[in-house]
Amino acid sequence: MKEHVEVIEFRYDTQLLLDRYGADDDACDDLVDEIRDYIIENFKGDSLIVAGDTDSDDFGGDKATIKLHYHTNEPWLVLAYCRTKGEIYDIVVEDMQRQTDGLHG
């Protein structure tokens, strides 16, 4: 007899960091709002977190770093959008359904 397995509505835990150079505190706040609003309006998902901070980069200019966390069924769309806003890195996409089902990978 197979056990009942929970079905996750938004399967992929999508996380990334995004850098935009030349952005001061105000520009960073605006970018956080812009990304959050765009994702809410254009992608289905839940558990959205978008946070940002600024610091000086190695060349003495300002740099905004944005942290994004989102559960969605189409992480590639979120990644493609975020790439238009800056340099993305430390990308993690985890299949939460596989984790729930006790599978690896």
PDB file of N, CA and C in Angstrom:
ATOM      1  N   MET A   1       0.827  -1.177   0.000  1.00  0.00           N
ATOM      2  CA  MET A   1       0.000   0.000   0.000  1.00  0.00           C
ATOM      3  C   MET A   1       0.880   1.254   0.000  1.00  0.00           C
ATOM      4  N   LYS A   2       0.640   2.140  -0.938  1.00  0.00           N
ATOM      5  CA  LYS A   2       1.434   3.360  -1.069  1.00  0.00           C
ATOM      6  C   LYS A   2       0.893   4.429  -0.130  1.00  0.00           C
ATOM      7  N   GLU A   3       1.819   5.109   0.566  1.00  0.00           N
ATOM      8  CA  GLU A   3       1.423   6.178   1.475  1.00  0.00           C
ATOM      9  C   GLU A   3       0.986   7.410   0.690  1.00  0.00           C
ATOM     10  N   HIS A   4       0.068   8.160   1.292  1.00  0.00           N
ATOM     11  CA  HIS A   4      -0.347   9.438   0.699  1.00  0.00           C
ATOM     12  C   HIS A   4       0.820  10.414   0.781  1.00  0.00           C
ATOM     13  N   VAL A   5       1.140  11.037  -0.324  1.00  0.00           N
ATOM     14  CA  VAL A   5       2.225  12.004  -0.371  1.00  0.00           C
ATOM     15  C   VAL A   5       1.635  13.385  -0.623  1.00  0.00           C
ATOM     16  N   GLU A   6       2.108  14.345   0.152  1.00  0.00           N
ATOM     17  CA  GLU A   6       1.674  15.729  -0.017  1.00  0.00           C
ATOM     18  C   GLU A   6       2.106  16.247  -1.385  1.00  0.00           C
ATOM     19  N   VAL A   7       1.191  16.933  -2.073  1.00  0.00           N
ATOM     20  CA  VAL A   7       1.523  17.551  -3.351  1.00  0.00           C
ATOM     21  C   VAL A   7       1.774  19.030  -3.096  1.00  0.00           C
ATOM     22  N   ILE A   8       2.938  19.484  -3.509  1.00  0.00           N
ATOM     23  CA  ILE A   8       3.331  20.872  -3.296  1.00  0.00           C
ATOM     24  C   ILE A   8       2.839  21.700  -4.475  1.00  0.00           C
ATOM     25  N   GLU A   9       2.102  22.770  -4.172  1.00  0.00           N
ATOM     26  CA  GLU A   9       1.521  23.597  -5.231  1.00  0.00           C
ATOM     27  C   GLU A   9       2.597  24.294  -6.068  1.00  0.00           C
ATOM     28  N   PHE A  10       3.587  24.870  -5.415  1.00  0.00           N
ATOM     29  CA  PHE A  10       4.679  25.544  -6.122  1.00  0.00           C
ATOM     30  C   PHE A  10       5.958  24.794  -5.789  1.00  0.00           C
ATOM     31  N   ARG A  11       6.409  24.028  -6.745  1.00  0.00           N
ATOM     32  CA  ARG A  11       7.369  22.945  -6.558  1.00  0.00           C
ATOM     33  C   ARG A  11       8.817  23.391  -6.337  1.00  0.00           C
ATOM     34  N   TYR A  12       9.252  24.464  -6.988  1.00  0.00           N
ATOM     35  CA  TYR A  12      10.674  24.798  -7.001  1.00  0.00           C
ATOM     36  C   TYR A  12      11.007  25.968  -6.084  1.00  0.00           C
ATOM     37  N   ASP A  13      11.861  25.696  -5.108  1.00  0.00           N
ATOM     38  CA  ASP A  13      12.411  26.722  -4.228  1.00  0.00           C
ATOM     39  C   ASP A  13      13.543  27.392  -5.008  1.00  0.00           C
ATOM     40  N   THR A  14      13.327  28.646  -5.378  1.00  0.00           N
ATOM     41  CA  THR A  14      14.250  29.367  -6.247  1.00  0.00           C
ATOM     42  C   THR A  14      14.916  30.478  -5.444  1.00  0.00           C
ATOM     43  N   GLN A  15      16.256  30.467  -5.431  1.00  0.00           N
ATOM     44  CA  GLN A  15      17.010  31.462  -4.681  1.00  0.00           C
ATOM     45  C   GLN A  15      18.147  31.984  -5.541  1.00  0.00           C
ATOM     46  N   LEU A  16      18.464  33.254  -5.359  1.00  0.00           N
ATOM     47  CA  LEU A  16      19.589  33.837  -6.079  1.00  0.00           C
ATOM     48  C   LEU A  16      20.034  35.124  -5.409  1.00  0.00           C
ATOM     49  N   LEU A  17      21.237  35.534  -5.768  1.00  0.00           N
ATOM     50  CA  LEU A  17      21.748  36.865  -5.452  1.00  0.00           C
ATOM     51  C   LEU A  17      21.876  37.624  -6.755  1.00  0.00           C
ATOM     52  N   LEU A  18      21.655  38.926  -6.689  1.00  0.00           N
ATOM     53  CA  LEU A  18      21.719  39.783  -7.868  1.00  0.00           C
ATOM     54  C   LEU A  18      22.512  41.033  -7.494  1.00  0.00           C
ATOM     55  N   ASP A  19      23.514  41.368  -8.286  1.00  0.00           N
ATOM     56  CA  ASP A  19      24.281  42.601  -8.083  1.00  0.00           C
ATOM     57  C   ASP A  19      23.959  43.589  -9.187  1.00  0.00           C
ATOM     58  N   ARG A  20      23.755  44.834  -8.784  1.00  0.00           N
ATOM     59  CA  ARG A  20      23.655  45.928  -9.753  1.00  0.00           C
ATOM     60  C   ARG A  20      24.638  46.998  -9.304  1.00  0.00           C
ATOM     61  N   TYR A  21      25.555  47.307 -10.205  1.00  0.00           N
ATOM     62  CA  TYR A  21      26.608  48.277  -9.897  1.00  0.00           C
ATOM     63  C   TYR A  21      26.106  49.695 -10.141  1.00  0.00           C
ATOM     64  N   GLY A  22      26.640  50.633  -9.367  1.00  0.00           N
ATOM     65  CA  GLY A  22      26.262  52.031  -9.506  1.00  0.00           C
ATOM     66  C   GLY A  22      24.947  52.370  -8.835  1.00  0.00           C
ATOM     67  N   ALA A  23      24.487  51.521  -7.915  1.00  0.00           N
ATOM     68  CA  ALA A  23      23.208  51.745  -7.249  1.00  0.00           C
ATOM     69  C   ALA A  23      23.448  52.165  -5.796  1.00  0.00           C
ATOM     70  N   ASP A  24      22.926  53.327  -5.426  1.00  0.00           N
ATOM     71  CA  ASP A  24      23.007  53.788  -4.044  1.00  0.00           C
ATOM     72  C   ASP A  24      21.829  53.220  -3.242  1.00  0.00           C
ATOM     73  N   ASP A  25      21.682  53.666  -1.989  1.00  0.00           N
ATOM     74  CA  ASP A  25      20.616  53.124  -1.129  1.00  0.00           C
ATOM     75  C   ASP A  25      19.228  53.314  -1.728  1.00  0.00           C
ATOM     76  N   ASP A  26      18.956  54.516  -2.252  1.00  0.00           N
ATOM     77  CA  ASP A  26      17.630  54.767  -2.831  1.00  0.00           C
ATOM     78  C   ASP A  26      17.374  53.893  -4.052  1.00  0.00           C
ATOM     79  N   ALA A  27      18.381  53.759  -4.907  1.00  0.00           N
ATOM     80  CA  ALA A  27      18.237  52.922  -6.096  1.00  0.00           C
ATOM     81  C   ALA A  27      18.052  51.455  -5.707  1.00  0.00           C
ATOM     82  N   CYS A  28      18.712  51.030  -4.647  1.00  0.00           N
ATOM     83  CA  CYS A  28      18.567  49.655  -4.168  1.00  0.00           C
ATOM     84  C   CYS A  28      17.138  49.415  -3.683  1.00  0.00           C
ATOM     85  N   ASP A  29      16.611  50.351  -2.896  1.00  0.00           N
ATOM     86  CA  ASP A  29      15.230  50.223  -2.415  1.00  0.00           C
ATOM     87  C   ASP A  29      14.245  50.180  -3.574  1.00  0.00           C
ATOM     88  N   ASP A  30      14.474  51.018  -4.572  1.00  0.00           N
ATOM     89  CA  ASP A  30      13.603  51.033  -5.752  1.00  0.00           C
ATOM     90  C   ASP A  30      13.676  49.710  -6.504  1.00  0.00           C
ATOM     91  N   LEU A  31      14.886  49.152  -6.617  1.00  0.00           N
ATOM     92  CA  LEU A  31      15.075  47.885  -7.324  1.00  0.00           C
ATOM     93  C   LEU A  31      14.371  46.747  -6.587  1.00  0.00           C
ATOM     94  N   VAL A  32      14.468  46.713  -5.270  1.00  0.00           N
ATOM     95  CA  VAL A  32      13.773  45.697  -4.481  1.00  0.00           C
ATOM     96  C   VAL A  32      12.266  45.776  -4.747  1.00  0.00           C
ATOM     97  N   ASP A  33      11.714  46.994  -4.693  1.00  0.00           N
ATOM     98  CA  ASP A  33      10.281  47.176  -4.941  1.00  0.00           C
ATOM     99  C   ASP A  33       9.897  46.769  -6.361  1.00  0.00           C
ATOM    100  N   GLU A  34      10.723  47.153  -7.327  1.00  0.00           N
ATOM    101  CA  GLU A  34      10.445  46.839  -8.735  1.00  0.00           C
ATOM    102  C   GLU A  34      10.426  45.326  -8.967  1.00  0.00           C
ATOM    103  N   ILE A  35      11.428  44.620  -8.437  1.00  0.00           N
ATOM    104  CA  ILE A  35      11.502  43.174  -8.617  1.00  0.00           C
ATOM    105  C   ILE A  35      10.331  42.493  -7.913  1.00  0.00           C
ATOM    106  N   ARG A  36      10.053  42.882  -6.672  1.00  0.00           N
ATOM    107  CA  ARG A  36       8.947  42.286  -5.923  1.00  0.00           C
ATOM    108  C   ARG A  36       7.625  42.481  -6.666  1.00  0.00           C
ATOM    109  N   ASP A  37       7.353  43.717  -7.089  1.00  0.00           N
ATOM    110  CA  ASP A  37       6.097  44.010  -7.772  1.00  0.00           C
ATOM    111  C   ASP A  37       5.968  43.237  -9.078  1.00  0.00           C
ATOM    112  N   TYR A  38       7.060  43.173  -9.853  1.00  0.00           N
ATOM    113  CA  TYR A  38       7.014  42.474 -11.136  1.00  0.00           C
ATOM    114  C   TYR A  38       6.723  40.984 -10.936  1.00  0.00           C
ATOM    115  N   ILE A  39       7.395  40.373  -9.972  1.00  0.00           N
ATOM    116  CA  ILE A  39       7.198  38.946  -9.731  1.00  0.00           C
ATOM    117  C   ILE A  39       5.770  38.668  -9.281  1.00  0.00           C
ATOM    118  N   ILE A  40       5.250  39.474  -8.368  1.00  0.00           N
ATOM    119  CA  ILE A  40       3.878  39.289  -7.892  1.00  0.00           C
ATOM    120  C   ILE A  40       2.878  39.412  -9.042  1.00  0.00           C
ATOM    121  N   GLU A  41       3.102  40.364  -9.925  1.00  0.00           N
ATOM    122  CA  GLU A  41       2.167  40.621 -11.017  1.00  0.00           C
ATOM    123  C   GLU A  41       2.285  39.644 -12.182  1.00  0.00           C
ATOM    124  N   ASN A  42       3.453  38.997 -12.340  1.00  0.00           N
ATOM    125  CA  ASN A  42       3.689  38.230 -13.560  1.00  0.00           C
ATOM    126  C   ASN A  42       3.944  36.734 -13.377  1.00  0.00           C
ATOM    127  N   PHE A  43       4.242  36.283 -12.174  1.00  0.00           N
ATOM    128  CA  PHE A  43       4.562  34.875 -11.952  1.00  0.00           C
ATOM    129  C   PHE A  43       3.696  34.313 -10.835  1.00  0.00           C
ATOM    130  N   LYS A  44       3.275  33.073 -10.993  1.00  0.00           N
ATOM    131  CA  LYS A  44       2.526  32.395  -9.936  1.00  0.00           C
ATOM    132  C   LYS A  44       3.520  31.754  -8.979  1.00  0.00           C
ATOM    133  N   GLY A  45       3.245  31.908  -7.681  1.00  0.00           N
ATOM    134  CA  GLY A  45       4.104  31.308  -6.672  1.00  0.00           C
ATOM    135  C   GLY A  45       3.734  31.791  -5.293  1.00  0.00           C
ATOM    136  N   ASP A  46       4.603  31.457  -4.327  1.00  0.00           N
ATOM    137  CA  ASP A  46       4.402  31.927  -2.963  1.00  0.00           C
ATOM    138  C   ASP A  46       5.743  32.017  -2.244  1.00  0.00           C
ATOM    139  N   SER A  47       5.686  32.449  -0.994  1.00  0.00           N
ATOM    140  CA  SER A  47       6.872  32.577  -0.138  1.00  0.00           C
ATOM    141  C   SER A  47       7.929  33.507  -0.731  1.00  0.00           C
ATOM    142  N   LEU A  48       7.492  34.618  -1.290  1.00  0.00           N
ATOM    143  CA  LEU A  48       8.411  35.568  -1.918  1.00  0.00           C
ATOM    144  C   LEU A  48       9.105  36.422  -0.866  1.00  0.00           C
ATOM    145  N   ILE A  49      10.423  36.469  -0.970  1.00  0.00           N
ATOM    146  CA  ILE A  49      11.235  37.389  -0.179  1.00  0.00           C
ATOM    147  C   ILE A  49      12.198  38.071  -1.143  1.00  0.00           C
ATOM    148  N   VAL A  50      12.206  39.398  -1.132  1.00  0.00           N
ATOM    149  CA  VAL A  50      13.171  40.179  -1.901  1.00  0.00           C
ATOM    150  C   VAL A  50      13.740  41.209  -0.937  1.00  0.00           C
ATOM    151  N   ALA A  51      15.048  41.161  -0.724  1.00  0.00           N
ATOM    152  CA  ALA A  51      15.696  42.086   0.198  1.00  0.00           C
ATOM    153  C   ALA A  51      16.975  42.591  -0.441  1.00  0.00           C
ATOM    154  N   GLY A  52      17.367  43.803  -0.077  1.00  0.00           N
ATOM    155  CA  GLY A  52      18.565  44.369  -0.679  1.00  0.00           C
ATOM    156  C   GLY A  52      19.388  45.188   0.291  1.00  0.00           C
ATOM    157  N   ASP A  53      20.647  45.377  -0.070  1.00  0.00           N
ATOM    158  CA  ASP A  53      21.568  46.189   0.701  1.00  0.00           C
ATOM    159  C   ASP A  53      22.608  46.744  -0.255  1.00  0.00           C
ATOM    160  N   THR A  54      23.270  47.814   0.141  1.00  0.00           N
ATOM    161  CA  THR A  54      24.317  48.397  -0.689  1.00  0.00           C
ATOM    162  C   THR A  54      25.643  48.376   0.052  1.00  0.00           C
ATOM    163  N   ASP A  55      26.704  48.356  -0.722  1.00  0.00           N
ATOM    164  CA  ASP A  55      28.053  48.525  -0.190  1.00  0.00           C
ATOM    165  C   ASP A  55      28.935  49.021  -1.317  1.00  0.00           C
ATOM    166  N   SER A  56      30.174  49.300  -1.004  1.00  0.00           N
ATOM    167  CA  SER A  56      31.112  49.746  -2.037  1.00  0.00           C
ATOM    168  C   SER A  56      31.749  48.537  -2.680  1.00  0.00           C
ATOM    169  N   ASP A  57      31.837  48.567  -4.014  1.00  0.00           N
ATOM    170  CA  ASP A  57      32.483  47.458  -4.702  1.00  0.00           C
ATOM    171  C   ASP A  57      33.998  47.669  -4.693  1.00  0.00           C
ATOM    172  N   ASP A  58      34.724  46.764  -5.292  1.00  0.00           N
ATOM    173  CA  ASP A  58      36.179  46.817  -5.290  1.00  0.00           C
ATOM    174  C   ASP A  58      36.733  48.038  -5.999  1.00  0.00           C
ATOM    175  N   PHE A  59      35.917  48.687  -6.816  1.00  0.00           N
ATOM    176  CA  PHE A  59      36.394  49.825  -7.583  1.00  0.00           C
ATOM    177  C   PHE A  59      35.948  51.145  -6.964  1.00  0.00           C
ATOM    178  N   GLY A  60      35.408  51.107  -5.736  1.00  0.00           N
ATOM    179  CA  GLY A  60      35.044  52.326  -5.038  1.00  0.00           C
ATOM    180  C   GLY A  60      33.652  52.854  -5.336  1.00  0.00           C
ATOM    181  N   GLY A  61      32.892  52.169  -6.186  1.00  0.00           N
ATOM    182  CA  GLY A  61      31.531  52.603  -6.498  1.00  0.00           C
ATOM    183  C   GLY A  61      30.509  51.869  -5.653  1.00  0.00           C
ATOM    184  N   ASP A  62      29.276  52.310  -5.735  1.00  0.00           N
ATOM    185  CA  ASP A  62      28.203  51.653  -4.999  1.00  0.00           C
ATOM    186  C   ASP A  62      27.714  50.425  -5.758  1.00  0.00           C
ATOM    187  N   LYS A  63      27.292  49.448  -4.983  1.00  0.00           N
ATOM    188  CA  LYS A  63      26.750  48.225  -5.557  1.00  0.00           C
ATOM    189  C   LYS A  63      25.572  47.787  -4.701  1.00  0.00           C
ATOM    190  N   ALA A  64      24.440  47.523  -5.341  1.00  0.00           N
ATOM    191  CA  ALA A  64      23.283  46.948  -4.653  1.00  0.00           C
ATOM    192  C   ALA A  64      23.342  45.438  -4.809  1.00  0.00           C
ATOM    193  N   THR A  65      23.128  44.731  -3.715  1.00  0.00           N
ATOM    194  CA  THR A  65      23.011  43.279  -3.749  1.00  0.00           C
ATOM    195  C   THR A  65      21.602  42.925  -3.294  1.00  0.00           C
ATOM    196  N   ILE A  66      20.909  42.168  -4.135  1.00  0.00           N
ATOM    197  CA  ILE A  66      19.533  41.755  -3.876  1.00  0.00           C
ATOM    198  C   ILE A  66      19.519  40.257  -3.622  1.00  0.00           C
ATOM    199  N   LYS A  67      18.815  39.838  -2.582  1.00  0.00           N
ATOM    200  CA  LYS A  67      18.598  38.416  -2.282  1.00  0.00           C
ATOM    201  C   LYS A  67      17.145  38.108  -2.604  1.00  0.00           C
ATOM    202  N   LEU A  68      16.942  37.068  -3.416  1.00  0.00           N
ATOM    203  CA  LEU A  68      15.590  36.665  -3.794  1.00  0.00           C
ATOM    204  C   LEU A  68      15.349  35.222  -3.384  1.00  0.00           C
ATOM    205  N   HIS A  69      14.178  34.964  -2.835  1.00  0.00           N
ATOM    206  CA  HIS A  69      13.720  33.621  -2.494  1.00  0.00           C
ATOM    207  C   HIS A  69      12.259  33.534  -2.945  1.00  0.00           C
ATOM    208  N   TYR A  70      11.911  32.468  -3.707  1.00  0.00           N
ATOM    209  CA  TYR A  70      10.555  32.368  -4.249  1.00  0.00           C
ATOM    210  C   TYR A  70      10.240  30.917  -4.566  1.00  0.00           C
ATOM    211  N   HIS A  71       9.023  30.495  -4.268  1.00  0.00           N
ATOM    212  CA  HIS A  71       8.545  29.166  -4.647  1.00  0.00           C
ATOM    213  C   HIS A  71       7.659  29.320  -5.882  1.00  0.00           C
ATOM    214  N   THR A  72       8.000  28.608  -6.942  1.00  0.00           N
ATOM    215  CA  THR A  72       7.296  28.728  -8.214  1.00  0.00           C
ATOM    216  C   THR A  72       7.408  27.417  -8.982  1.00  0.00           C
ATOM    217  N   ASN A  73       6.590  27.269 -10.008  1.00  0.00           N
ATOM    218  CA  ASN A  73       6.706  26.107 -10.894  1.00  0.00           C
ATOM    219  C   ASN A  73       7.528  26.416 -12.139  1.00  0.00           C
ATOM    220  N   GLU A  74       7.920  27.675 -12.315  1.00  0.00           N
ATOM    221  CA  GLU A  74       8.675  28.084 -13.502  1.00  0.00           C
ATOM    222  C   GLU A  74       9.877  28.943 -13.113  1.00  0.00           C
ATOM    223  N   PRO A  75      10.848  28.324 -12.431  1.00  0.00           N
ATOM    224  CA  PRO A  75      11.992  29.107 -11.956  1.00  0.00           C
ATOM    225  C   PRO A  75      12.801  29.741 -13.081  1.00  0.00           C
ATOM    226  N   TRP A  76      12.818  29.125 -14.252  1.00  0.00           N
ATOM    227  CA  TRP A  76      13.585  29.662 -15.374  1.00  0.00           C
ATOM    228  C   TRP A  76      13.070  31.038 -15.792  1.00  0.00           C
ATOM    229  N   LEU A  77      11.773  31.286 -15.638  1.00  0.00           N
ATOM    230  CA  LEU A  77      11.223  32.602 -15.969  1.00  0.00           C
ATOM    231  C   LEU A  77      11.686  33.655 -14.967  1.00  0.00           C
ATOM    232  N   VAL A  78      11.734  33.279 -13.689  1.00  0.00           N
ATOM    233  CA  VAL A  78      12.222  34.192 -12.658  1.00  0.00           C
ATOM    234  C   VAL A  78      13.697  34.516 -12.900  1.00  0.00           C
ATOM    235  N   LEU A  79      14.476  33.495 -13.234  1.00  0.00           N
ATOM    236  CA  LEU A  79      15.905  33.708 -13.509  1.00  0.00           C
ATOM    237  C   LEU A  79      16.101  34.613 -14.720  1.00  0.00           C
ATOM    238  N   ALA A  80      15.352  34.378 -15.774  1.00  0.00           N
ATOM    239  CA  ALA A  80      15.478  35.201 -16.982  1.00  0.00           C
ATOM    240  C   ALA A  80      15.122  36.652 -16.678  1.00  0.00           C
ATOM    241  N   TYR A  81      14.065  36.878 -15.922  1.00  0.00           N
ATOM    242  CA  TYR A  81      13.687  38.247 -15.567  1.00  0.00           C
ATOM    243  C   TYR A  81      14.781  38.900 -14.717  1.00  0.00           C
ATOM    244  N   CYS A  82      15.232  38.214 -13.685  1.00  0.00           N
ATOM    245  CA  CYS A  82      16.234  38.804 -12.789  1.00  0.00           C
ATOM    246  C   CYS A  82      17.526  39.132 -13.529  1.00  0.00           C
ATOM    247  N   ARG A  83      17.863  38.340 -14.522  1.00  0.00           N
ATOM    248  CA  ARG A  83      19.084  38.607 -15.307  1.00  0.00           C
ATOM    249  C   ARG A  83      18.989  39.949 -16.028  1.00  0.00           C
ATOM    250  N   THR A  84      17.793  40.403 -16.331  1.00  0.00           N
ATOM    251  CA  THR A  84      17.642  41.706 -16.990  1.00  0.00           C
ATOM    252  C   THR A  84      17.861  42.854 -16.012  1.00  0.00           C
ATOM    253  N   LYS A  85      17.915  42.563 -14.712  1.00  0.00           N
ATOM    254  CA  LYS A  85      18.051  43.596 -13.681  1.00  0.00           C
ATOM    255  C   LYS A  85      19.454  43.710 -13.126  1.00  0.00           C
ATOM    256  N   GLY A  86      20.321  42.753 -13.446  1.00  0.00           N
ATOM    257  CA  GLY A  86      21.695  42.795 -12.944  1.00  0.00           C
ATOM    258  C   GLY A  86      22.368  41.456 -13.134  1.00  0.00           C
ATOM    259  N   GLU A  87      23.509  41.318 -12.491  1.00  0.00           N
ATOM    260  CA  GLU A  87      24.298  40.086 -12.563  1.00  0.00           C
ATOM    261  C   GLU A  87      23.772  39.116 -11.514  1.00  0.00           C
ATOM    262  N   ILE A  88      23.321  37.926 -11.942  1.00  0.00           N
ATOM    263  CA  ILE A  88      22.807  36.946 -10.989  1.00  0.00           C
ATOM    264  C   ILE A  88      23.858  35.863 -10.743  1.00  0.00           C
ATOM    265  N   TYR A  89      23.877  35.359  -9.494  1.00  0.00           N
ATOM    266  CA  TYR A  89      24.833  34.322  -9.105  1.00  0.00           C
ATOM    267  C   TYR A  89      24.317  33.622  -7.856  1.00  0.00           C
ATOM    268  N   ASP A  90      25.056  32.629  -7.379  1.00  0.00           N
ATOM    269  CA  ASP A  90      24.633  31.800  -6.242  1.00  0.00           C
ATOM    270  C   ASP A  90      23.186  31.337  -6.441  1.00  0.00           C
ATOM    271  N   ILE A  91      22.936  30.811  -7.619  1.00  0.00           N
ATOM    272  CA  ILE A  91      21.588  30.365  -7.997  1.00  0.00           C
ATOM    273  C   ILE A  91      21.345  28.964  -7.437  1.00  0.00           C
ATOM    274  N   VAL A  92      20.206  28.814  -6.756  1.00  0.00           N
ATOM    275  CA  VAL A  92      19.799  27.521  -6.221  1.00  0.00           C
ATOM    276  C   VAL A  92      18.351  27.291  -6.637  1.00  0.00           C
ATOM    277  N   VAL A  93      18.104  26.144  -7.263  1.00  0.00           N
ATOM    278  CA  VAL A  93      16.735  25.730  -7.578  1.00  0.00           C
ATOM    279  C   VAL A  93      16.585  24.316  -7.042  1.00  0.00           C
ATOM    280  N   GLU A  94      15.738  24.169  -6.026  1.00  0.00           N
ATOM    281  CA  GLU A  94      15.538  22.870  -5.409  1.00  0.00           C
ATOM    282  C   GLU A  94      14.114  22.389  -5.657  1.00  0.00           C
ATOM    283  N   ASP A  95      13.998  21.127  -5.989  1.00  0.00           N
ATOM    284  CA  ASP A  95      12.696  20.508  -6.238  1.00  0.00           C
ATOM    285  C   ASP A  95      12.126  20.030  -4.899  1.00  0.00           C
ATOM    286  N   MET A  96      11.233  20.808  -4.332  1.00  0.00           N
ATOM    287  CA  MET A  96      10.669  20.487  -3.022  1.00  0.00           C
ATOM    288  C   MET A  96       9.754  19.269  -3.075  1.00  0.00           C
ATOM    289  N   GLN A  97       9.171  18.969  -4.236  1.00  0.00           N
ATOM    290  CA  GLN A  97       8.329  17.773  -4.356  1.00  0.00           C
ATOM    291  C   GLN A  97       9.181  16.522  -4.205  1.00  0.00           C
ATOM    292  N   ARG A  98      10.342  16.514  -4.828  1.00  0.00           N
ATOM    293  CA  ARG A  98      11.243  15.362  -4.696  1.00  0.00           C
ATOM    294  C   ARG A  98      11.669  15.193  -3.241  1.00  0.00           C
ATOM    295  N   GLN A  99      11.934  16.311  -2.564  1.00  0.00           N
ATOM    296  CA  GLN A  99      12.311  16.238  -1.145  1.00  0.00           C
ATOM    297  C   GLN A  99      11.166  15.657  -0.330  1.00  0.00           C
ATOM    298  N   THR A 100       9.938  16.118  -0.586  1.00  0.00           N
ATOM    299  CA  THR A 100       8.757  15.631   0.128  1.00  0.00           C
ATOM    300  C   THR A 100       8.550  14.136  -0.120  1.00  0.00           C
ATOM    301  N   ASP A 101       8.836  13.710  -1.346  1.00  0.00           N
ATOM    302  CA  ASP A 101       8.670  12.304  -1.719  1.00  0.00           C
ATOM    303  C   ASP A 101       9.816  11.430  -1.212  1.00  0.00           C
ATOM    304  N   GLY A 102      10.811  12.040  -0.559  1.00  0.00           N
ATOM    305  CA  GLY A 102      11.936  11.286  -0.026  1.00  0.00           C
ATOM    306  C   GLY A 102      12.970  10.904  -1.047  1.00  0.00           C
ATOM    307  N   LEU A 103      12.986  11.620  -2.185  1.00  0.00           N
ATOM    308  CA  LEU A 103      13.950  11.334  -3.251  1.00  0.00           C
ATOM    309  C   LEU A 103      15.126  12.299  -3.156  1.00  0.00           C
ATOM    310  N   HIS A 104      16.233  11.919  -3.737  1.00  0.00           N
ATOM    311  CA  HIS A 104      17.421  12.784  -3.744  1.00  0.00           C
ATOM    312  C   HIS A 104      17.569  13.417  -5.111  1.00  0.00           C
ATOM    313  N   GLY A 105      18.275  14.573  -5.140  1.00  0.00           N
ATOM    314  CA  GLY A 105      18.595  15.221  -6.410  1.00  0.00           C
ATOM    315  C   GLY A 105      17.594  16.209  -6.889  1.00  0.00           C
TER     316      GLY A 105
END
